[in-house]
Amino acid sequence: MPRYVEPKSELAFRNAKTGPKPYLLSDGQGLSLRIRPNGVKTWLLRYRRPGTGKENFLSLGPYPDVSLIEARRRAASARDLVREGTDPVEQ
């Protein structure tokens, strides 16, 4: 069973520090911010492909060009596509 992750504020993502390896800072419902050692931050949505059931990631755009509110909106529309049986990457 997936564990519940408390949604974070914009401030938590803005202040995320880089490390020696890339890591994910989760916002819940599959939405995460990937932080790379060179400082690049990208929004990712983790989902399962409707046809095969394999796990996949969908890039929603770079942070801060795509805000937290916009990333949540894009993630919600991509989850709707998955619910309808359409792969958002192929869409």
PDB file of N, CA and C in Angstrom:
ATOM      1  N   MET A   1       0.839  -1.170   0.000  1.00  0.00           N
ATOM      2  CA  MET A   1       0.000   0.000   0.000  1.00  0.00           C
ATOM      3  C   MET A   1       0.891   1.242   0.000  1.00  0.00           C
ATOM      4  N   PRO A   2       0.601   2.217  -0.883  1.00  0.00           N
ATOM      5  CA  PRO A   2       1.419   3.420  -0.904  1.00  0.00           C
ATOM      6  C   PRO A   2       1.227   4.227   0.377  1.00  0.00           C
ATOM      7  N   ARG A   3       2.295   4.849   0.805  1.00  0.00           N
ATOM      8  CA  ARG A   3       2.168   5.660   2.010  1.00  0.00           C
ATOM      9  C   ARG A   3       1.739   7.067   1.640  1.00  0.00           C
ATOM     10  N   TYR A   4       1.094   7.709   2.567  1.00  0.00           N
ATOM     11  CA  TYR A   4       0.591   9.059   2.367  1.00  0.00           C
ATOM     12  C   TYR A   4       1.728  10.055   2.550  1.00  0.00           C
ATOM     13  N   VAL A   5       1.862  10.973   1.610  1.00  0.00           N
ATOM     14  CA  VAL A   5       2.869  12.026   1.696  1.00  0.00           C
ATOM     15  C   VAL A   5       2.137  13.355   1.807  1.00  0.00           C
ATOM     16  N   GLU A   6       2.453  14.101   2.829  1.00  0.00           N
ATOM     17  CA  GLU A   6       1.835  15.408   3.039  1.00  0.00           C
ATOM     18  C   GLU A   6       2.280  16.369   1.940  1.00  0.00           C
ATOM     19  N   PRO A   7       1.343  17.048   1.257  1.00  0.00           N
ATOM     20  CA  PRO A   7       1.732  18.029   0.241  1.00  0.00           C
ATOM     21  C   PRO A   7       2.610  19.117   0.851  1.00  0.00           C
ATOM     22  N   LYS A   8       3.612  19.520   0.100  1.00  0.00           N
ATOM     23  CA  LYS A   8       4.568  20.514   0.587  1.00  0.00           C
ATOM     24  C   LYS A   8       4.244  21.899   0.027  1.00  0.00           C
ATOM     25  N   SER A   9       4.843  22.901   0.611  1.00  0.00           N
ATOM     26  CA  SER A   9       4.650  24.271   0.144  1.00  0.00           C
ATOM     27  C   SER A   9       5.684  24.607  -0.926  1.00  0.00           C
ATOM     28  N   GLU A  10       5.449  25.694  -1.609  1.00  0.00           N
ATOM     29  CA  GLU A  10       6.380  26.182  -2.635  1.00  0.00           C
ATOM     30  C   GLU A  10       7.753  26.444  -2.023  1.00  0.00           C
ATOM     31  N   LEU A  11       7.772  26.889  -0.779  1.00  0.00           N
ATOM     32  CA  LEU A  11       9.016  27.201  -0.086  1.00  0.00           C
ATOM     33  C   LEU A  11       9.903  25.966   0.087  1.00  0.00           C
ATOM     34  N   ALA A  12       9.310  24.819   0.348  1.00  0.00           N
ATOM     35  CA  ALA A  12      10.082  23.578   0.516  1.00  0.00           C
ATOM     36  C   ALA A  12      10.800  23.210  -0.771  1.00  0.00           C
ATOM     37  N   PHE A  13      10.146  23.400  -1.909  1.00  0.00           N
ATOM     38  CA  PHE A  13      10.772  23.072  -3.195  1.00  0.00           C
ATOM     39  C   PHE A  13      11.812  24.119  -3.585  1.00  0.00           C
ATOM     40  N   ARG A  14      11.539  25.376  -3.272  1.00  0.00           N
ATOM     41  CA  ARG A  14      12.489  26.439  -3.609  1.00  0.00           C
ATOM     42  C   ARG A  14      13.792  26.284  -2.834  1.00  0.00           C
ATOM     43  N   ASN A  15      13.701  25.835  -1.570  1.00  0.00           N
ATOM     44  CA  ASN A  15      14.879  25.717  -0.716  1.00  0.00           C
ATOM     45  C   ASN A  15      15.553  24.355  -0.783  1.00  0.00           C
ATOM     46  N   ALA A  16      15.113  23.477  -1.667  1.00  0.00           N
ATOM     47  CA  ALA A  16      15.713  22.139  -1.773  1.00  0.00           C
ATOM     48  C   ALA A  16      17.173  22.265  -2.202  1.00  0.00           C
ATOM     49  N   LYS A  17      18.041  21.616  -1.466  1.00  0.00           N
ATOM     50  CA  LYS A  17      19.482  21.679  -1.730  1.00  0.00           C
ATOM     51  C   LYS A  17      19.925  20.537  -2.637  1.00  0.00           C
ATOM     52  N   THR A  18      21.001  20.778  -3.362  1.00  0.00           N
ATOM     53  CA  THR A  18      21.574  19.730  -4.197  1.00  0.00           C
ATOM     54  C   THR A  18      22.401  18.786  -3.330  1.00  0.00           C
ATOM     55  N   GLY A  19      22.654  17.611  -3.856  1.00  0.00           N
ATOM     56  CA  GLY A  19      23.459  16.628  -3.142  1.00  0.00           C
ATOM     57  C   GLY A  19      24.415  15.955  -4.107  1.00  0.00           C
ATOM     58  N   PRO A  20      25.141  14.954  -3.649  1.00  0.00           N
ATOM     59  CA  PRO A  20      26.090  14.270  -4.529  1.00  0.00           C
ATOM     60  C   PRO A  20      25.403  13.412  -5.596  1.00  0.00           C
ATOM     61  N   LYS A  21      24.132  13.023  -5.344  1.00  0.00           N
ATOM     62  CA  LYS A  21      23.370  12.214  -6.295  1.00  0.00           C
ATOM     63  C   LYS A  21      22.024  12.879  -6.546  1.00  0.00           C
ATOM     64  N   PRO A  22      21.407  12.600  -7.712  1.00  0.00           N
ATOM     65  CA  PRO A  22      20.045  13.105  -7.926  1.00  0.00           C
ATOM     66  C   PRO A  22      19.082  12.461  -6.932  1.00  0.00           C
ATOM     67  N   TYR A  23      18.074  13.215  -6.519  1.00  0.00           N
ATOM     68  CA  TYR A  23      17.062  12.656  -5.623  1.00  0.00           C
ATOM     69  C   TYR A  23      15.710  13.271  -5.932  1.00  0.00           C
ATOM     70  N   LEU A  24      14.642  12.626  -5.420  1.00  0.00           N
ATOM     71  CA  LEU A  24      13.277  13.088  -5.632  1.00  0.00           C
ATOM     72  C   LEU A  24      12.722  13.653  -4.329  1.00  0.00           C
ATOM     73  N   LEU A  25      12.054  14.796  -4.428  1.00  0.00           N
ATOM     74  CA  LEU A  25      11.357  15.404  -3.306  1.00  0.00           C
ATOM     75  C   LEU A  25       9.871  15.304  -3.643  1.00  0.00           C
ATOM     76  N   SER A  26       9.147  14.442  -2.919  1.00  0.00           N
ATOM     77  CA  SER A  26       7.772  14.108  -3.267  1.00  0.00           C
ATOM     78  C   SER A  26       6.764  15.119  -2.730  1.00  0.00           C
ATOM     79  N   ASP A  27       5.725  15.366  -3.543  1.00  0.00           N
ATOM     80  CA  ASP A  27       4.616  16.223  -3.141  1.00  0.00           C
ATOM     81  C   ASP A  27       3.342  15.404  -2.925  1.00  0.00           C
ATOM     82  N   GLY A  28       3.365  14.126  -3.243  1.00  0.00           N
ATOM     83  CA  GLY A  28       2.196  13.271  -3.086  1.00  0.00           C
ATOM     84  C   GLY A  28       1.505  13.006  -4.407  1.00  0.00           C
ATOM     85  N   GLN A  29       0.741  11.926  -4.463  1.00  0.00           N
ATOM     86  CA  GLN A  29      -0.021  11.509  -5.638  1.00  0.00           C
ATOM     87  C   GLN A  29       0.859  11.337  -6.870  1.00  0.00           C
ATOM     88  N   GLY A  30       2.095  10.911  -6.670  1.00  0.00           N
ATOM     89  CA  GLY A  30       2.992  10.634  -7.782  1.00  0.00           C
ATOM     90  C   GLY A  30       3.789  11.824  -8.282  1.00  0.00           C
ATOM     91  N   LEU A  31       3.513  13.023  -7.797  1.00  0.00           N
ATOM     92  CA  LEU A  31       4.226  14.227  -8.232  1.00  0.00           C
ATOM     93  C   LEU A  31       5.484  14.412  -7.399  1.00  0.00           C
ATOM     94  N   SER A  32       6.621  14.593  -8.080  1.00  0.00           N
ATOM     95  CA  SER A  32       7.904  14.780  -7.393  1.00  0.00           C
ATOM     96  C   SER A  32       8.731  15.825  -8.126  1.00  0.00           C
ATOM     97  N   LEU A  33       9.665  16.395  -7.397  1.00  0.00           N
ATOM     98  CA  LEU A  33      10.641  17.305  -7.981  1.00  0.00           C
ATOM     99  C   LEU A  33      11.987  16.593  -7.954  1.00  0.00           C
ATOM    100  N   ARG A  34      12.577  16.382  -9.145  1.00  0.00           N
ATOM    101  CA  ARG A  34      13.894  15.744  -9.212  1.00  0.00           C
ATOM    102  C   ARG A  34      14.947  16.844  -9.131  1.00  0.00           C
ATOM    103  N   ILE A  35      15.876  16.700  -8.186  1.00  0.00           N
ATOM    104  CA  ILE A  35      16.951  17.666  -7.992  1.00  0.00           C
ATOM    105  C   ILE A  35      18.259  16.987  -8.349  1.00  0.00           C
ATOM    106  N   ARG A  36      18.953  17.538  -9.316  1.00  0.00           N
ATOM    107  CA  ARG A  36      20.221  16.975  -9.777  1.00  0.00           C
ATOM    108  C   ARG A  36      21.386  17.700  -9.118  1.00  0.00           C
ATOM    109  N   PRO A  37      22.566  17.056  -9.093  1.00  0.00           N
ATOM    110  CA  PRO A  37      23.735  17.676  -8.450  1.00  0.00           C
ATOM    111  C   PRO A  37      24.137  19.027  -9.048  1.00  0.00           C
ATOM    112  N   ASN A  38      23.838  19.254 -10.335  1.00  0.00           N
ATOM    113  CA  ASN A  38      24.200  20.530 -10.956  1.00  0.00           C
ATOM    114  C   ASN A  38      23.171  21.631 -10.682  1.00  0.00           C
ATOM    115  N   GLY A  39      22.115  21.317  -9.891  1.00  0.00           N
ATOM    116  CA  GLY A  39      21.131  22.319  -9.500  1.00  0.00           C
ATOM    117  C   GLY A  39      19.884  22.357 -10.353  1.00  0.00           C
ATOM    118  N   VAL A  40      19.794  21.553 -11.402  1.00  0.00           N
ATOM    119  CA  VAL A  40      18.618  21.530 -12.265  1.00  0.00           C
ATOM    120  C   VAL A  40      17.483  20.807 -11.533  1.00  0.00           C
ATOM    121  N   LYS A  41      16.301  21.438 -11.533  1.00  0.00           N
ATOM    122  CA  LYS A  41      15.121  20.867 -10.876  1.00  0.00           C
ATOM    123  C   LYS A  41      14.033  20.658 -11.924  1.00  0.00           C
ATOM    124  N   THR A  42      13.437  19.457 -11.935  1.00  0.00           N
ATOM    125  CA  THR A  42      12.419  19.103 -12.925  1.00  0.00           C
ATOM    126  C   THR A  42      11.250  18.414 -12.243  1.00  0.00           C
ATOM    127  N   TRP A  43      10.030  18.793 -12.624  1.00  0.00           N
ATOM    128  CA  TRP A  43       8.835  18.134 -12.108  1.00  0.00           C
ATOM    129  C   TRP A  43       8.632  16.817 -12.832  1.00  0.00           C
ATOM    130  N   LEU A  44       8.345  15.744 -12.068  1.00  0.00           N
ATOM    131  CA  LEU A  44       8.073  14.422 -12.638  1.00  0.00           C
ATOM    132  C   LEU A  44       6.789  13.871 -12.048  1.00  0.00           C
ATOM    133  N   LEU A  45       6.054  13.129 -12.875  1.00  0.00           N
ATOM    134  CA  LEU A  45       4.869  12.412 -12.413  1.00  0.00           C
ATOM    135  C   LEU A  45       5.123  10.931 -12.611  1.00  0.00           C
ATOM    136  N   ARG A  46       5.022  10.175 -11.539  1.00  0.00           N
ATOM    137  CA  ARG A  46       5.181   8.714 -11.593  1.00  0.00           C
ATOM    138  C   ARG A  46       3.795   8.108 -11.788  1.00  0.00           C
ATOM    139  N   TYR A  47       3.657   7.232 -12.780  1.00  0.00           N
ATOM    140  CA  TYR A  47       2.377   6.578 -13.040  1.00  0.00           C
ATOM    141  C   TYR A  47       2.621   5.205 -13.645  1.00  0.00           C
ATOM    142  N   ARG A  48       1.564   4.423 -13.763  1.00  0.00           N
ATOM    143  CA  ARG A  48       1.642   3.104 -14.394  1.00  0.00           C
ATOM    144  C   ARG A  48       0.984   3.179 -15.761  1.00  0.00           C
ATOM    145  N   ARG A  49       1.677   2.646 -16.777  1.00  0.00           N
ATOM    146  CA  ARG A  49       1.143   2.666 -18.137  1.00  0.00           C
ATOM    147  C   ARG A  49      -0.139   1.845 -18.207  1.00  0.00           C
ATOM    148  N   PRO A  50      -1.178   2.387 -18.833  1.00  0.00           N
ATOM    149  CA  PRO A  50      -2.455   1.683 -18.878  1.00  0.00           C
ATOM    150  C   PRO A  50      -2.391   0.320 -19.573  1.00  0.00           C
ATOM    151  N   GLY A  51      -1.640   0.177 -20.647  1.00  0.00           N
ATOM    152  CA  GLY A  51      -1.618  -1.085 -21.383  1.00  0.00           C
ATOM    153  C   GLY A  51      -0.804  -2.177 -20.715  1.00  0.00           C
ATOM    154  N   THR A  52       0.374  -1.829 -20.217  1.00  0.00           N
ATOM    155  CA  THR A  52       1.294  -2.832 -19.689  1.00  0.00           C
ATOM    156  C   THR A  52       1.357  -2.873 -18.168  1.00  0.00           C
ATOM    157  N   GLY A  53       0.985  -1.790 -17.505  1.00  0.00           N
ATOM    158  CA  GLY A  53       1.071  -1.730 -16.051  1.00  0.00           C
ATOM    159  C   GLY A  53       2.467  -1.425 -15.535  1.00  0.00           C
ATOM    160  N   LYS A  54       3.402  -1.139 -16.451  1.00  0.00           N
ATOM    161  CA  LYS A  54       4.774  -0.824 -16.031  1.00  0.00           C
ATOM    162  C   LYS A  54       4.846   0.619 -15.537  1.00  0.00           C
ATOM    163  N   GLU A  55       5.741   0.831 -14.577  1.00  0.00           N
ATOM    164  CA  GLU A  55       5.927   2.166 -14.025  1.00  0.00           C
ATOM    165  C   GLU A  55       6.664   3.050 -15.034  1.00  0.00           C
ATOM    166  N   ASN A  56       6.246   4.314 -15.114  1.00  0.00           N
ATOM    167  CA  ASN A  56       6.860   5.256 -16.040  1.00  0.00           C
ATOM    168  C   ASN A  56       6.852   6.643 -15.395  1.00  0.00           C
ATOM    169  N   PHE A  57       7.688   7.532 -15.909  1.00  0.00           N
ATOM    170  CA  PHE A  57       7.737   8.910 -15.448  1.00  0.00           C
ATOM    171  C   PHE A  57       7.368   9.845 -16.590  1.00  0.00           C
ATOM    172  N   LEU A  58       6.637  10.893 -16.271  1.00  0.00           N
ATOM    173  CA  LEU A  58       6.275  11.933 -17.225  1.00  0.00           C
ATOM    174  C   LEU A  58       6.875  13.239 -16.725  1.00  0.00           C
ATOM    175  N   SER A  59       7.686  13.883 -17.559  1.00  0.00           N
ATOM    176  CA  SER A  59       8.269  15.170 -17.188  1.00  0.00           C
ATOM    177  C   SER A  59       7.227  16.258 -17.411  1.00  0.00           C
ATOM    178  N   LEU A  60       7.017  17.091 -16.392  1.00  0.00           N
ATOM    179  CA  LEU A  60       6.024  18.155 -16.461  1.00  0.00           C
ATOM    180  C   LEU A  60       6.647  19.528 -16.670  1.00  0.00           C
ATOM    181  N   GLY A  61       7.969  19.597 -16.711  1.00  0.00           N
ATOM    182  CA  GLY A  61       8.643  20.860 -16.968  1.00  0.00           C
ATOM    183  C   GLY A  61       9.647  21.215 -15.889  1.00  0.00           C
ATOM    184  N   PRO A  62      10.490  22.201 -16.187  1.00  0.00           N
ATOM    185  CA  PRO A  62      11.525  22.607 -15.234  1.00  0.00           C
ATOM    186  C   PRO A  62      10.976  23.550 -14.163  1.00  0.00           C
ATOM    187  N   TYR A  63      11.553  23.439 -12.984  1.00  0.00           N
ATOM    188  CA  TYR A  63      11.239  24.364 -11.905  1.00  0.00           C
ATOM    189  C   TYR A  63      12.299  25.453 -11.916  1.00  0.00           C
ATOM    190  N   PRO A  64      12.029  26.696 -11.802  1.00  0.00           N
ATOM    191  CA  PRO A  64      10.813  27.393 -11.421  1.00  0.00           C
ATOM    192  C   PRO A  64       9.955  27.869 -12.590  1.00  0.00           C
ATOM    193  N   ASP A  65      10.299  27.501 -13.837  1.00  0.00           N
ATOM    194  CA  ASP A  65       9.466  27.904 -14.979  1.00  0.00           C
ATOM    195  C   ASP A  65       8.043  27.384 -14.828  1.00  0.00           C
ATOM    196  N   VAL A  66       7.908  26.170 -14.304  1.00  0.00           N
ATOM    197  CA  VAL A  66       6.605  25.579 -14.005  1.00  0.00           C
ATOM    198  C   VAL A  66       6.445  25.623 -12.485  1.00  0.00           C
ATOM    199  N   SER A  67       5.478  26.393 -12.010  1.00  0.00           N
ATOM    200  CA  SER A  67       5.279  26.546 -10.563  1.00  0.00           C
ATOM    201  C   SER A  67       4.654  25.281  -9.973  1.00  0.00           C
ATOM    202  N   LEU A  68       4.588  25.234  -8.654  1.00  0.00           N
ATOM    203  CA  LEU A  68       3.990  24.097  -7.959  1.00  0.00           C
ATOM    204  C   LEU A  68       2.515  23.958  -8.335  1.00  0.00           C
ATOM    205  N   ILE A  69       1.796  25.047  -8.387  1.00  0.00           N
ATOM    206  CA  ILE A  69       0.367  25.006  -8.721  1.00  0.00           C
ATOM    207  C   ILE A  69       0.171  24.489 -10.151  1.00  0.00           C
ATOM    208  N   GLU A  70       0.982  24.963 -11.076  1.00  0.00           N
ATOM    209  CA  GLU A  70       0.892  24.516 -12.466  1.00  0.00           C
ATOM    210  C   GLU A  70       1.273  23.042 -12.586  1.00  0.00           C
ATOM    211  N   ALA A  71       2.290  22.601 -11.854  1.00  0.00           N
ATOM    212  CA  ALA A  71       2.695  21.187 -11.886  1.00  0.00           C
ATOM    213  C   ALA A  71       1.583  20.302 -11.348  1.00  0.00           C
ATOM    214  N   ARG A  72       0.924  20.725 -10.283  1.00  0.00           N
ATOM    215  CA  ARG A  72      -0.195  19.955  -9.745  1.00  0.00           C
ATOM    216  C   ARG A  72      -1.341  19.876 -10.747  1.00  0.00           C
ATOM    217  N   ARG A  73      -1.599  20.978 -11.458  1.00  0.00           N
ATOM    218  CA  ARG A  73      -2.662  20.992 -12.465  1.00  0.00           C
ATOM    219  C   ARG A  73      -2.333  20.052 -13.618  1.00  0.00           C
ATOM    220  N   ARG A  74      -1.082  20.103 -14.109  1.00  0.00           N
ATOM    221  CA  ARG A  74      -0.662  19.215 -15.195  1.00  0.00           C
ATOM    222  C   ARG A  74      -0.698  17.748 -14.757  1.00  0.00           C
ATOM    223  N   ALA A  75      -0.301  17.480 -13.518  1.00  0.00           N
ATOM    224  CA  ALA A  75      -0.332  16.108 -13.005  1.00  0.00           C
ATOM    225  C   ALA A  75      -1.766  15.592 -12.925  1.00  0.00           C
ATOM    226  N   ALA A  76      -2.696  16.431 -12.510  1.00  0.00           N
ATOM    227  CA  ALA A  76      -4.101  16.020 -12.413  1.00  0.00           C
ATOM    228  C   ALA A  76      -4.661  15.678 -13.790  1.00  0.00           C
ATOM    229  N   SER A  77      -4.335  16.480 -14.800  1.00  0.00           N
ATOM    230  CA  SER A  77      -4.837  16.181 -16.148  1.00  0.00           C
ATOM    231  C   SER A  77      -4.189  14.912 -16.704  1.00  0.00           C
ATOM    232  N   ALA A  78      -2.918  14.662 -16.384  1.00  0.00           N
ATOM    233  CA  ALA A  78      -2.266  13.429 -16.836  1.00  0.00           C
ATOM    234  C   ALA A  78      -2.862  12.215 -16.126  1.00  0.00           C
ATOM    235  N   ARG A  79      -3.185  12.345 -14.838  1.00  0.00           N
ATOM    236  CA  ARG A  79      -3.827  11.237 -14.118  1.00  0.00           C
ATOM    237  C   ARG A  79      -5.207  10.938 -14.695  1.00  0.00           C
ATOM    238  N   ASP A  80      -5.925  11.974 -15.146  1.00  0.00           N
ATOM    239  CA  ASP A  80      -7.220  11.762 -15.795  1.00  0.00           C
ATOM    240  C   ASP A  80      -7.057  10.939 -17.076  1.00  0.00           C
ATOM    241  N   LEU A  81      -6.010  11.236 -17.842  1.00  0.00           N
ATOM    242  CA  LEU A  81      -5.744  10.465 -19.057  1.00  0.00           C
ATOM    243  C   LEU A  81      -5.463   9.004 -18.740  1.00  0.00           C
ATOM    244  N   VAL A  82      -4.688   8.762 -17.686  1.00  0.00           N
ATOM    245  CA  VAL A  82      -4.371   7.379 -17.291  1.00  0.00           C
ATOM    246  C   VAL A  82      -5.647   6.658 -16.871  1.00  0.00           C
ATOM    247  N   ARG A  83      -6.514   7.347 -16.142  1.00  0.00           N
ATOM    248  CA  ARG A  83      -7.784   6.751 -15.723  1.00  0.00           C
ATOM    249  C   ARG A  83      -8.649   6.367 -16.921  1.00  0.00           C
ATOM    250  N   GLU A  84      -8.567   7.154 -18.003  1.00  0.00           N
ATOM    251  CA  GLU A  84      -9.333   6.872 -19.215  1.00  0.00           C
ATOM    252  C   GLU A  84      -8.688   5.782 -20.068  1.00  0.00           C
ATOM    253  N   GLY A  85      -7.463   5.352 -19.693  1.00  0.00           N
ATOM    254  CA  GLY A  85      -6.793   4.302 -20.436  1.00  0.00           C
ATOM    255  C   GLY A  85      -5.834   4.801 -21.507  1.00  0.00           C
ATOM    256  N   THR A  86      -5.482   6.093 -21.458  1.00  0.00           N
ATOM    257  CA  THR A  86      -4.551   6.683 -22.416  1.00  0.00           C
ATOM    258  C   THR A  86      -3.230   6.964 -21.740  1.00  0.00           C
ATOM    259  N   ASP A  87      -2.133   6.616 -22.421  1.00  0.00           N
ATOM    260  CA  ASP A  87      -0.808   6.903 -21.880  1.00  0.00           C
ATOM    261  C   ASP A  87      -0.481   8.367 -22.138  1.00  0.00           C
ATOM    262  N   PRO A  88      -0.239   9.184 -21.092  1.00  0.00           N
ATOM    263  CA  PRO A  88       0.008  10.609 -21.309  1.00  0.00           C
ATOM    264  C   PRO A  88       1.296  10.888 -22.090  1.00  0.00           C
ATOM    265  N   VAL A  89       2.274   9.998 -22.059  1.00  0.00           N
ATOM    266  CA  VAL A  89       3.502  10.207 -22.831  1.00  0.00           C
ATOM    267  C   VAL A  89       3.197  10.114 -24.328  1.00  0.00           C
ATOM    268  N   GLU A  90       2.340   9.166 -24.708  1.00  0.00           N
ATOM    269  CA  GLU A  90       1.983   9.000 -26.123  1.00  0.00           C
ATOM    270  C   GLU A  90       0.989  10.047 -26.581  1.00  0.00           C
ATOM    271  N   GLN A  91       0.285  10.667 -25.643  1.00  0.00           N
ATOM    272  CA  GLN A  91      -0.731  11.671 -25.978  1.00  0.00           C
ATOM    273  C   GLN A  91      -0.094  12.894 -26.499  1.00  0.00           C
TER     274      GLN A  91
END
